[in-house]
Protein backbone atom coordinates (compact mmCIF):
# COMPACT_ATOMS: atom_id res chain seq x y z
CA MET A 1 -3.63 -117.07 -81.91
CA ILE A 2 -6.27 -117.87 -79.20
CA ALA A 3 -6.65 -115.89 -75.98
CA LEU A 4 -9.61 -116.49 -73.63
CA LEU A 5 -9.79 -114.59 -70.32
CA ASP A 6 -12.28 -115.63 -67.58
CA VAL A 7 -14.95 -116.71 -70.14
CA HIS A 8 -18.34 -117.61 -68.76
CA LEU A 9 -21.40 -118.64 -70.66
CA THR A 10 -24.78 -119.01 -68.92
CA LEU A 11 -27.97 -119.98 -70.74
CA THR A 12 -31.49 -119.58 -69.44
CA SER A 13 -33.95 -122.46 -69.16
CA ALA A 14 -37.36 -123.15 -67.60
CA ALA A 15 -35.58 -124.57 -64.56
CA GLY A 16 -33.35 -121.48 -64.20
CA PRO A 17 -29.86 -120.44 -65.47
CA VAL A 18 -27.59 -123.16 -66.73
CA LYS A 19 -23.82 -122.46 -66.49
CA ILE A 20 -22.10 -123.93 -69.55
CA LEU A 21 -18.65 -122.40 -69.31
CA ARG A 22 -17.23 -121.47 -65.89
CA GLY A 23 -14.24 -119.15 -66.03
CA ILE A 24 -12.15 -120.44 -68.91
CA ASP A 25 -8.66 -119.03 -69.36
CA LEU A 26 -6.62 -120.24 -72.35
CA SER A 27 -3.71 -118.94 -74.40
CA VAL A 28 -2.67 -120.75 -77.59
CA ALA A 29 0.32 -119.81 -79.73
CA ALA A 30 0.08 -119.68 -83.48
CA GLY A 31 0.95 -122.91 -85.32
CA ARG A 32 0.23 -125.21 -82.32
CA SER A 33 -2.36 -127.91 -81.97
CA LEU A 34 -4.47 -128.52 -78.96
CA SER A 35 -7.19 -131.06 -78.12
CA VAL A 36 -10.13 -130.76 -75.73
CA ILE A 37 -11.53 -134.04 -74.47
CA GLY A 38 -14.32 -134.70 -71.96
CA PRO A 39 -17.79 -136.26 -71.55
CA SER A 40 -20.88 -135.27 -73.48
CA GLY A 41 -22.38 -132.03 -72.03
CA SER A 42 -19.11 -130.91 -70.49
CA GLY A 43 -18.96 -127.73 -72.66
CA LYS A 44 -16.37 -128.83 -75.27
CA SER A 45 -18.35 -127.92 -78.41
CA THR A 46 -19.58 -124.67 -76.79
CA LEU A 47 -16.01 -123.70 -76.09
CA LEU A 48 -15.15 -124.18 -79.72
CA SER A 49 -18.19 -122.22 -80.77
CA VAL A 50 -17.04 -119.32 -78.59
CA VAL A 51 -13.54 -119.42 -80.11
CA GLY A 52 -15.18 -119.45 -83.56
CA GLY A 53 -17.39 -116.49 -82.75
CA ILE A 54 -20.50 -118.61 -83.32
CA GLU A 55 -21.58 -118.31 -79.70
CA ARG A 56 -21.03 -115.09 -77.60
CA PRO A 57 -19.95 -115.52 -74.02
CA THR A 58 -21.96 -114.05 -71.22
CA SER A 59 -18.76 -112.42 -69.89
CA GLY A 60 -15.03 -112.58 -70.45
CA GLY A 61 -12.58 -111.81 -73.18
CA VAL A 62 -12.22 -113.68 -76.52
CA THR A 63 -9.34 -112.71 -78.81
CA VAL A 64 -8.39 -114.59 -82.01
CA ASP A 65 -5.31 -113.55 -84.00
CA GLY A 66 -5.28 -110.19 -82.16
CA GLN A 67 -9.00 -109.45 -82.87
CA ASP A 68 -11.41 -108.88 -79.99
CA LEU A 69 -14.40 -110.93 -81.09
CA ASN A 70 -16.61 -109.27 -78.55
CA ALA A 71 -16.15 -105.97 -80.40
CA LEU A 72 -17.49 -107.28 -83.69
CA ASN A 73 -21.14 -107.35 -84.84
CA GLU A 74 -22.54 -110.45 -86.50
CA ASP A 75 -21.67 -109.35 -90.05
CA ASP A 76 -18.11 -108.53 -89.08
CA LEU A 77 -17.81 -111.84 -87.21
CA ALA A 78 -18.92 -113.78 -90.26
CA SER A 79 -16.40 -111.80 -92.42
CA PHE A 80 -13.60 -112.49 -89.86
CA ARG A 81 -14.44 -116.22 -89.79
CA GLY A 82 -14.34 -116.34 -93.59
CA ARG A 83 -10.83 -114.81 -93.67
CA GLU A 84 -9.14 -116.33 -90.67
CA MET A 85 -10.85 -119.66 -89.75
CA GLY A 86 -11.88 -123.01 -91.09
CA ILE A 87 -14.46 -125.11 -89.30
CA LEU A 88 -14.87 -128.86 -89.67
CA PHE A 89 -17.86 -130.59 -88.06
CA GLN A 90 -18.84 -134.17 -87.36
CA SER A 91 -21.69 -133.84 -89.85
CA PHE A 92 -20.41 -133.01 -93.26
CA HIS A 93 -22.96 -130.21 -93.99
CA LEU A 94 -22.49 -130.51 -97.76
CA ILE A 95 -25.09 -129.06 -100.15
CA PRO A 96 -26.55 -132.14 -101.82
CA THR A 97 -27.50 -130.43 -105.10
CA MET A 98 -23.93 -129.17 -105.63
CA THR A 99 -20.84 -131.01 -106.81
CA ALA A 100 -17.77 -131.48 -104.66
CA LEU A 101 -16.10 -128.58 -106.51
CA GLU A 102 -19.11 -126.35 -106.04
CA ASN A 103 -19.38 -127.20 -102.32
CA VAL A 104 -15.75 -126.10 -101.79
CA ALA A 105 -16.04 -123.08 -103.99
CA VAL A 106 -19.24 -121.67 -102.26
CA PRO A 107 -17.55 -119.91 -99.32
CA LEU A 108 -14.89 -118.54 -101.61
CA GLU A 109 -17.44 -117.11 -103.90
CA LEU A 110 -19.33 -115.59 -101.02
CA ALA A 111 -16.13 -113.96 -99.92
CA GLY A 112 -15.63 -112.48 -103.35
CA THR A 113 -12.56 -114.59 -104.24
CA ASP A 114 -11.77 -114.14 -107.96
CA ASP A 115 -10.23 -117.57 -108.50
CA ALA A 116 -12.77 -119.49 -106.30
CA PHE A 117 -13.04 -122.51 -108.56
CA ASP A 118 -9.32 -122.81 -109.17
CA ARG A 119 -8.70 -122.70 -105.46
CA ALA A 120 -11.51 -125.18 -104.83
CA ARG A 121 -9.95 -127.56 -107.40
CA ASP A 122 -6.54 -127.21 -105.74
CA GLY A 123 -8.17 -127.91 -102.35
CA LEU A 124 -9.79 -131.10 -103.55
CA ALA A 125 -6.53 -132.24 -105.02
CA ALA A 126 -4.84 -131.59 -101.61
CA VAL A 127 -7.26 -134.03 -99.92
CA GLN A 128 -6.77 -136.58 -102.76
CA LEU A 129 -10.14 -135.97 -104.42
CA GLY A 130 -8.98 -134.41 -107.63
CA ALA A 131 -10.79 -137.05 -109.66
CA ARG A 132 -14.11 -136.58 -107.86
CA THR A 133 -14.73 -132.82 -108.50
CA ASP A 134 -17.91 -133.37 -110.51
CA HIS A 135 -19.50 -135.89 -108.12
CA TYR A 136 -22.38 -135.02 -105.86
CA PRO A 137 -22.38 -135.80 -102.13
CA GLY A 138 -24.72 -138.70 -102.71
CA GLN A 139 -22.24 -140.24 -105.01
CA LEU A 140 -19.44 -140.11 -102.42
CA SER A 141 -18.60 -142.31 -99.48
CA GLY A 142 -18.68 -140.96 -95.95
CA GLY A 143 -14.93 -140.60 -95.96
CA GLU A 144 -14.95 -138.79 -99.27
CA GLN A 145 -17.68 -136.39 -98.05
CA GLN A 146 -15.54 -135.50 -95.05
CA ARG A 147 -12.61 -134.89 -97.32
CA VAL A 148 -14.72 -132.44 -99.31
CA ALA A 149 -15.71 -130.82 -95.96
CA LEU A 150 -12.04 -130.65 -95.04
CA ALA A 151 -11.17 -129.08 -98.39
CA ARG A 152 -13.92 -126.52 -97.84
CA ALA A 153 -12.67 -125.69 -94.35
CA LEU A 154 -9.13 -125.13 -95.70
CA ALA A 155 -10.11 -123.38 -98.96
CA ASN A 156 -9.69 -119.83 -97.52
CA ARG A 157 -6.17 -120.90 -96.26
CA PRO A 158 -7.11 -120.11 -92.63
CA LYS A 159 -4.71 -119.40 -89.85
CA LEU A 160 -6.96 -121.38 -87.39
CA LEU A 161 -8.74 -124.70 -88.01
CA LEU A 162 -11.50 -125.66 -85.58
CA ALA A 163 -12.49 -129.34 -85.73
CA ASP A 164 -15.45 -130.67 -83.74
CA GLU A 165 -15.50 -134.55 -83.64
CA PRO A 166 -14.42 -134.70 -87.32
CA THR A 167 -14.35 -138.48 -87.39
CA GLY A 168 -17.50 -139.16 -85.35
CA ASN A 169 -19.51 -140.35 -88.34
CA LEU A 170 -16.74 -142.47 -89.84
CA ASP A 171 -15.43 -145.96 -89.32
CA GLU A 172 -12.05 -146.27 -87.54
CA ALA A 173 -9.94 -146.81 -90.62
CA THR A 174 -11.51 -144.06 -92.68
CA GLY A 175 -11.40 -141.70 -89.72
CA GLY A 176 -7.75 -142.39 -89.19
CA ASP A 177 -7.04 -141.48 -92.84
CA ILE A 178 -8.89 -138.17 -92.44
CA ILE A 179 -7.00 -137.35 -89.17
CA ASP A 180 -3.63 -138.20 -90.76
CA LEU A 181 -4.48 -135.90 -93.70
CA MET A 182 -5.70 -133.10 -91.37
CA PHE A 183 -2.58 -133.15 -89.24
CA SER A 184 -0.35 -133.31 -92.31
CA ILE A 185 -1.93 -130.23 -93.79
CA GLN A 186 -1.95 -128.45 -90.47
CA ARG A 187 1.85 -128.94 -90.09
CA ASP A 188 2.61 -128.05 -93.74
CA ARG A 189 0.64 -124.86 -93.55
CA GLU A 190 1.63 -124.04 -89.93
CA MET A 191 -1.95 -123.56 -88.92
CA THR A 192 -3.31 -123.51 -85.43
CA LEU A 193 -5.55 -126.47 -84.74
CA MET A 194 -8.19 -126.77 -82.04
CA LEU A 195 -9.63 -130.32 -81.96
CA ILE A 196 -12.68 -131.43 -79.97
CA THR A 197 -12.83 -135.21 -79.48
CA HIS A 198 -13.93 -138.10 -77.29
CA ASP A 199 -10.95 -140.17 -78.44
CA ALA A 200 -8.05 -140.04 -75.97
CA GLY A 201 -5.64 -141.53 -78.52
CA LEU A 202 -6.54 -138.88 -81.02
CA ALA A 203 -6.21 -136.15 -78.45
CA ALA A 204 -2.75 -137.35 -77.56
CA ARG A 205 -1.58 -136.48 -81.12
CA CYS A 206 -1.92 -132.73 -80.38
CA ASP A 207 0.90 -130.57 -78.93
CA HIS A 208 -1.28 -129.75 -75.93
CA ARG A 209 -4.18 -131.53 -74.25
CA TYR A 210 -7.04 -130.30 -72.16
CA ARG A 211 -9.97 -131.88 -70.38
CA MET A 212 -13.41 -130.34 -69.90
CA ALA A 213 -15.69 -131.19 -67.02
CA ASN A 214 -18.68 -129.25 -65.78
CA GLY A 215 -17.70 -126.29 -67.87
CA ARG A 216 -14.17 -126.01 -66.54
CA LEU A 217 -10.89 -126.59 -68.42
CA ARG A 218 -7.81 -128.33 -67.06
CA SER A 219 -4.49 -128.98 -68.75
CA VAL A 220 -3.31 -132.58 -69.23
CA VAL A 221 0.48 -132.83 -68.70
CA ASP A 222 2.44 -135.90 -69.75
CA GLY A 223 -0.72 -137.99 -69.73
CA ASN A 224 -1.54 -137.06 -66.10
CA GLU A 225 -5.05 -135.80 -65.91
CA PRO A 226 -6.75 -134.13 -62.87
CA SER A 227 -9.53 -136.16 -61.37
CA MET A 228 -12.97 -135.37 -62.70
CA HIS A 229 -13.99 -134.29 -59.26
CA GLU A 230 -11.15 -131.74 -59.14
CA ALA A 231 -11.74 -130.56 -62.67
CA GLY A 232 -15.45 -129.98 -61.91
CA ASP A 233 -15.19 -128.43 -58.50
CA PRO A 234 -17.09 -125.11 -58.76
CA SER A 235 -15.41 -123.78 -55.64
CA THR A 236 -11.98 -123.67 -57.34
CA ARG A 237 -11.17 -120.76 -59.69
CA GLU A 238 -9.29 -121.96 -62.73
CA ARG A 239 -5.75 -120.77 -63.19
CA SER A 240 -4.59 -119.46 -66.57
CA ASP A 241 -3.11 -122.10 -68.89
CA GLU A 242 -0.42 -120.81 -71.13
CA VAL A 243 0.27 -122.74 -74.31
CA ALA A 244 3.48 -121.83 -76.10
């Protein structure tokens, strides 16, 4: 489902070039879940953005579900995301003037889906918000807003779900409920899940775990992590990590 080959991303700044990703190799099979953990600024969210086609790499190959993302223009990338991916962020990004139902239906309508509102209604029911379809975001709790965001991310029935700190704005109990729901739906639909998190306990729930440090990615095997010095050593070329 995900194949990255020697991916680099370098940004320019007043102080000179800043290397964000340094030679990332990653292969993820369909239907599997993986987590990426690491300190702030290590490149975790940037890596997710590259996989989602939101950020283009400076060099290297990015393939999702057999599609070379580097070969697509911005319009085609947006269309591909709309068909194949769901994205869940830490911030809910709901439209405040729209109801929960309308928020979930918007991407479906933009994609030209005929039964957008029926599917949106089913999506809200799947996240246990069937009774809140006509409520506006301001009338919902934080946990309920994230459930709406999850329903929206899943409304197009994606093959790949990208989740970036999805419980970062929630209390522990509410966040736990959201995560349980997300993993349950991921297993039932046999989606691939890529999860960015600071929470080691949450990361451990995934089939495969990785740690980012200084723009480099290392696999975590049976809870044994490489030292941060090793993971961030720019003199060492990363090996390819195969996830099956």
